[in-house]
Amino acid sequence: MEDDATEVSRDMLARRAMLAGAAGVFALMHAPWAMAKLPKSGVKGLIAGASDGALDKLAAPGAFYRDTAVRILLPGAGGKLASKLFGMGDKLGLTTNLTKSLNDAGGKAAGEAKPIFRTAIDDLRWTDAPALVTKNDGATRYLQTSAGGVLFTKVSPLIGSALDNVGAFRQLDQLSKGNQLMASAGLTHDGLTRSVTEQALKGIFHYMAGEEAALRRNPAGLLKGIF
């Protein structure tokens, strides 16, 4: 009987703690200052550090192409559809050269994207704090969900310019001459820009998650400056 009473008491305490935590989060989200921006320390500093570290690594020459986890491929079934449509060009190694150019473009854009990511991070507010701390995939995944659309819009022009600068558009035009099926596979200038932007952002967030995991090993630093 005593053990049962103790167990019930523990359950009641656990429920009260849960309710208190929920009430705290609710109060945080509805306080007058809740829509104010988070300070640059704490979690915001964590994301900024993870972002800078990821972008620096991927901006290094050949970084995207060397890592198969983030390698940027031609549109369509991981590049396989594009290779089939190009036919003989693929046998001559031309699509491999184009793929390397896509990855070079991703690296160039990563090197110029720091201010864009910093702006998105700076816009995070106190109402975002609970998700930044407790979300299973961490602050990186929260940023990907909450600001992914904005980042795509801002990074896409960088990718388009980089694709032009590395000669990817020129290579694409040469390979697709006389092939009417290219556009349906997304192999147009706009389609290629969109595909490379999506893949580059996935790669950046993948690296950010790794950087964040390393920084999160100091939980005291993570929470400092939030509560």
Protein backbone atom coordinates (compact mmCIF):
# COMPACT_ATOMS: atom_id res chain seq x y z
CA MET A 1 0.00 0.00 0.00
CA GLU A 2 2.80 2.36 0.87
CA ASP A 3 4.55 1.62 -2.42
CA ASP A 4 1.31 2.30 -4.31
CA ALA A 5 0.87 5.60 -2.51
CA THR A 6 4.44 6.57 -3.30
CA GLU A 7 3.91 5.71 -6.96
CA VAL A 8 0.73 7.80 -7.12
CA SER A 9 2.54 10.68 -5.45
CA ARG A 10 5.32 10.49 -8.04
CA ASP A 11 2.80 10.46 -10.88
CA MET A 12 1.08 13.55 -9.45
CA LEU A 13 4.39 15.37 -9.13
CA ALA A 14 5.34 14.46 -12.70
CA ARG A 15 2.01 15.74 -14.01
CA ARG A 16 2.34 18.97 -12.07
CA ALA A 17 5.83 19.48 -13.45
CA MET A 18 4.57 18.86 -16.97
CA LEU A 19 1.72 21.33 -16.51
CA ALA A 20 4.09 23.88 -15.03
CA GLY A 21 6.42 23.50 -18.01
CA ALA A 22 3.57 23.90 -20.46
CA ALA A 23 2.35 26.97 -18.58
CA GLY A 24 5.86 28.40 -18.72
CA VAL A 25 6.09 27.94 -22.47
CA PHE A 26 2.62 29.45 -22.90
CA ALA A 27 3.61 32.44 -20.79
CA LEU A 28 6.81 32.84 -22.76
CA MET A 29 4.98 32.85 -26.07
CA HIS A 30 2.31 35.33 -24.91
CA ALA A 31 4.40 37.74 -22.87
CA PRO A 32 4.46 41.35 -24.16
CA TRP A 33 8.09 40.98 -25.20
CA ALA A 34 7.56 37.57 -26.84
CA MET A 35 7.76 38.92 -30.39
CA ALA A 36 11.06 40.66 -29.68
CA LYS A 37 14.11 39.20 -31.35
CA LEU A 38 16.26 36.74 -29.45
CA PRO A 39 19.63 38.03 -28.20
CA LYS A 40 22.61 37.18 -30.37
CA SER A 41 24.00 34.90 -27.67
CA GLY A 42 22.57 31.53 -26.65
CA VAL A 43 20.72 29.52 -29.28
CA LYS A 44 20.93 32.26 -31.87
CA GLY A 45 24.70 32.30 -31.43
CA LEU A 46 24.68 28.50 -31.72
CA ILE A 47 22.85 28.58 -35.07
CA ALA A 48 25.05 31.40 -36.36
CA GLY A 49 28.17 29.43 -35.48
CA ALA A 50 26.80 26.27 -37.09
CA SER A 51 25.82 28.24 -40.20
CA ASP A 52 29.21 29.91 -40.57
CA GLY A 53 31.04 26.63 -40.04
CA ALA A 54 28.93 24.79 -42.62
CA LEU A 55 29.22 27.50 -45.25
CA ASP A 56 32.98 27.81 -44.76
CA LYS A 57 33.45 24.07 -45.26
CA LEU A 58 31.22 23.86 -48.34
CA ALA A 59 32.78 26.96 -49.89
CA ALA A 60 36.12 25.16 -50.09
CA PRO A 61 36.96 24.15 -53.69
CA GLY A 62 35.47 20.75 -54.56
CA ALA A 63 33.75 20.31 -51.17
CA PHE A 64 30.26 19.61 -52.53
CA TYR A 65 31.46 17.15 -55.17
CA ARG A 66 33.84 15.23 -52.86
CA ASP A 67 31.15 14.44 -50.30
CA THR A 68 28.60 12.07 -51.80
CA ALA A 69 26.19 12.91 -48.96
CA VAL A 70 25.75 16.42 -50.37
CA ARG A 71 26.92 16.06 -53.97
CA ILE A 72 24.70 18.05 -56.34
CA LEU A 73 23.36 15.98 -59.24
CA LEU A 74 21.55 16.72 -62.47
CA PRO A 75 17.74 16.87 -62.17
CA GLY A 76 15.69 13.72 -62.62
CA ALA A 77 16.12 10.57 -60.53
CA GLY A 78 19.44 11.64 -59.11
CA GLY A 79 20.80 12.55 -62.52
CA LYS A 80 20.07 9.16 -64.11
CA LEU A 81 17.20 10.47 -66.26
CA ALA A 82 19.33 13.34 -67.48
CA SER A 83 22.15 10.98 -68.38
CA LYS A 84 19.79 8.80 -70.42
CA LEU A 85 18.41 11.82 -72.24
CA PHE A 86 21.87 13.07 -73.07
CA GLY A 87 22.78 9.67 -74.53
CA MET A 88 26.18 9.69 -76.20
CA GLY A 89 27.19 12.82 -74.31
CA ASP A 90 27.17 10.85 -71.11
CA LYS A 91 29.45 8.19 -72.56
CA LEU A 92 31.93 10.90 -73.48
CA GLY A 93 32.01 12.12 -69.89
CA LEU A 94 30.32 15.42 -70.66
CA THR A 95 27.62 15.06 -68.03
CA THR A 96 30.30 14.35 -65.42
CA ASN A 97 31.92 17.67 -66.29
CA LEU A 98 28.55 19.38 -66.05
CA THR A 99 27.86 17.75 -62.67
CA LYS A 100 31.21 19.03 -61.37
CA SER A 101 30.26 22.50 -62.58
CA LEU A 102 26.98 22.30 -60.66
CA ASN A 103 28.90 21.49 -57.49
CA ASP A 104 31.38 24.29 -58.14
CA ALA A 105 28.41 26.64 -58.44
CA GLY A 106 27.03 25.37 -55.11
CA GLY A 107 30.38 26.06 -53.46
CA LYS A 108 30.59 29.57 -54.88
CA ALA A 109 27.08 30.36 -53.65
CA ALA A 110 27.87 28.94 -50.20
CA GLY A 111 30.81 31.31 -49.98
CA GLU A 112 28.49 34.27 -50.56
CA ALA A 113 25.50 33.13 -48.50
CA LYS A 114 26.64 34.02 -44.98
CA PRO A 115 24.80 37.37 -44.82
CA ILE A 116 21.59 35.71 -46.06
CA PHE A 117 21.69 33.03 -43.37
CA ARG A 118 22.67 35.55 -40.70
CA THR A 119 19.64 37.71 -41.58
CA ALA A 120 17.28 34.72 -41.32
CA ILE A 121 18.83 33.76 -37.98
CA ASP A 122 18.63 37.33 -36.69
CA ASP A 123 14.88 37.35 -37.37
CA LEU A 124 14.27 34.52 -34.86
CA ARG A 125 12.15 35.72 -31.95
CA TRP A 126 11.42 34.70 -28.35
CA THR A 127 8.36 32.77 -29.52
CA ASP A 128 10.75 30.50 -31.42
CA ALA A 129 12.85 29.70 -28.34
CA PRO A 130 10.98 26.55 -27.12
CA ALA A 131 11.23 24.88 -30.54
CA LEU A 132 14.87 25.88 -30.91
CA VAL A 133 15.76 24.18 -27.63
CA THR A 134 13.48 21.13 -27.62
CA LYS A 135 12.86 20.21 -31.27
CA ASN A 136 14.14 16.70 -31.96
CA ASP A 137 16.21 17.69 -34.99
CA GLY A 138 17.56 20.76 -33.24
CA ALA A 139 17.84 24.41 -34.14
CA THR A 140 19.17 23.70 -37.63
CA ARG A 141 16.06 21.77 -38.64
CA TYR A 142 13.87 24.43 -37.07
CA LEU A 143 15.57 27.10 -39.17
CA GLN A 144 15.18 24.90 -42.26
CA THR A 145 11.44 24.63 -41.62
CA SER A 146 10.76 28.20 -40.57
CA ALA A 147 13.02 30.08 -42.98
CA GLY A 148 13.64 27.56 -45.78
CA GLY A 149 11.39 29.38 -48.26
CA VAL A 150 13.03 32.74 -47.60
CA LEU A 151 16.50 31.23 -47.87
CA PHE A 152 15.58 29.56 -51.18
CA THR A 153 14.40 32.89 -52.62
CA LYS A 154 17.57 34.68 -51.49
CA VAL A 155 20.08 31.95 -52.41
CA SER A 156 18.58 31.14 -55.83
CA PRO A 157 20.01 34.26 -57.56
CA LEU A 158 23.45 33.41 -56.15
CA ILE A 159 23.16 29.91 -57.62
CA GLY A 160 22.00 31.25 -61.01
CA SER A 161 24.92 33.66 -61.19
CA ALA A 162 27.36 30.95 -60.11
CA LEU A 163 26.02 28.49 -62.70
CA ASP A 164 26.61 31.08 -65.37
CA ASN A 165 30.09 31.94 -64.09
CA VAL A 166 31.32 28.33 -64.00
CA GLY A 167 29.97 27.64 -67.49
CA ALA A 168 27.22 25.23 -66.44
CA PHE A 169 24.55 26.91 -68.58
CA ARG A 170 26.85 26.84 -71.60
CA GLN A 171 27.60 23.15 -71.08
CA LEU A 172 23.90 22.42 -70.68
CA ASP A 173 23.06 24.20 -73.92
CA GLN A 174 25.73 22.26 -75.80
CA LEU A 175 24.56 18.91 -74.47
CA SER A 176 20.86 19.54 -75.07
CA LYS A 177 21.06 20.71 -78.69
CA GLY A 178 18.36 18.98 -80.73
CA ASN A 179 16.94 17.13 -77.72
CA GLN A 180 13.30 18.09 -77.23
CA LEU A 181 12.92 16.14 -73.98
CA MET A 182 15.32 18.27 -71.94
CA ALA A 183 12.74 20.77 -70.72
CA SER A 184 10.40 18.05 -69.44
CA ALA A 185 13.24 16.69 -67.29
CA GLY A 186 13.87 20.12 -65.78
CA LEU A 187 16.99 20.66 -67.88
CA THR A 188 16.48 24.33 -68.63
CA HIS A 189 18.33 27.28 -67.14
CA ASP A 190 15.51 27.95 -64.68
CA GLY A 191 14.95 24.27 -63.92
CA LEU A 192 18.65 23.71 -63.31
CA THR A 193 18.88 26.77 -61.05
CA ARG A 194 15.92 25.56 -59.01
CA SER A 195 17.28 22.02 -58.67
CA VAL A 196 20.79 23.12 -57.72
CA THR A 197 19.43 25.63 -55.19
CA GLU A 198 17.29 22.95 -53.52
CA GLN A 199 20.19 20.48 -53.38
CA ALA A 200 22.70 23.08 -52.21
CA LEU A 201 20.44 24.17 -49.35
CA LYS A 202 19.92 20.54 -48.30
CA GLY A 203 23.68 20.12 -48.25
CA ILE A 204 24.17 23.29 -46.22
CA PHE A 205 21.57 22.23 -43.66
CA HIS A 206 23.13 18.76 -43.52
CA TYR A 207 26.48 20.31 -42.64
CA MET A 208 24.84 22.77 -40.24
CA ALA A 209 23.31 19.86 -38.33
CA GLY A 210 26.77 18.36 -37.90
CA GLU A 211 28.22 21.68 -36.75
CA GLU A 212 25.34 22.17 -34.33
CA ALA A 213 25.77 18.69 -32.86
CA ALA A 214 29.36 19.53 -32.01
CA LEU A 215 28.42 22.88 -30.46
CA ARG A 216 25.55 21.33 -28.46
CA ARG A 217 28.00 19.29 -26.44
CA ASN A 218 28.08 22.32 -24.16
CA PRO A 219 24.42 22.49 -22.97
CA ALA A 220 25.13 25.31 -20.52
CA GLY A 221 26.29 27.49 -23.39
CA LEU A 222 23.22 26.52 -25.39
CA LEU A 223 20.77 27.78 -22.79
CA LYS A 224 22.76 30.84 -21.75
CA GLY A 225 21.08 34.03 -22.86
CA ILE A 226 17.61 32.55 -23.40
CA PHE A 227 16.02 32.24 -19.95
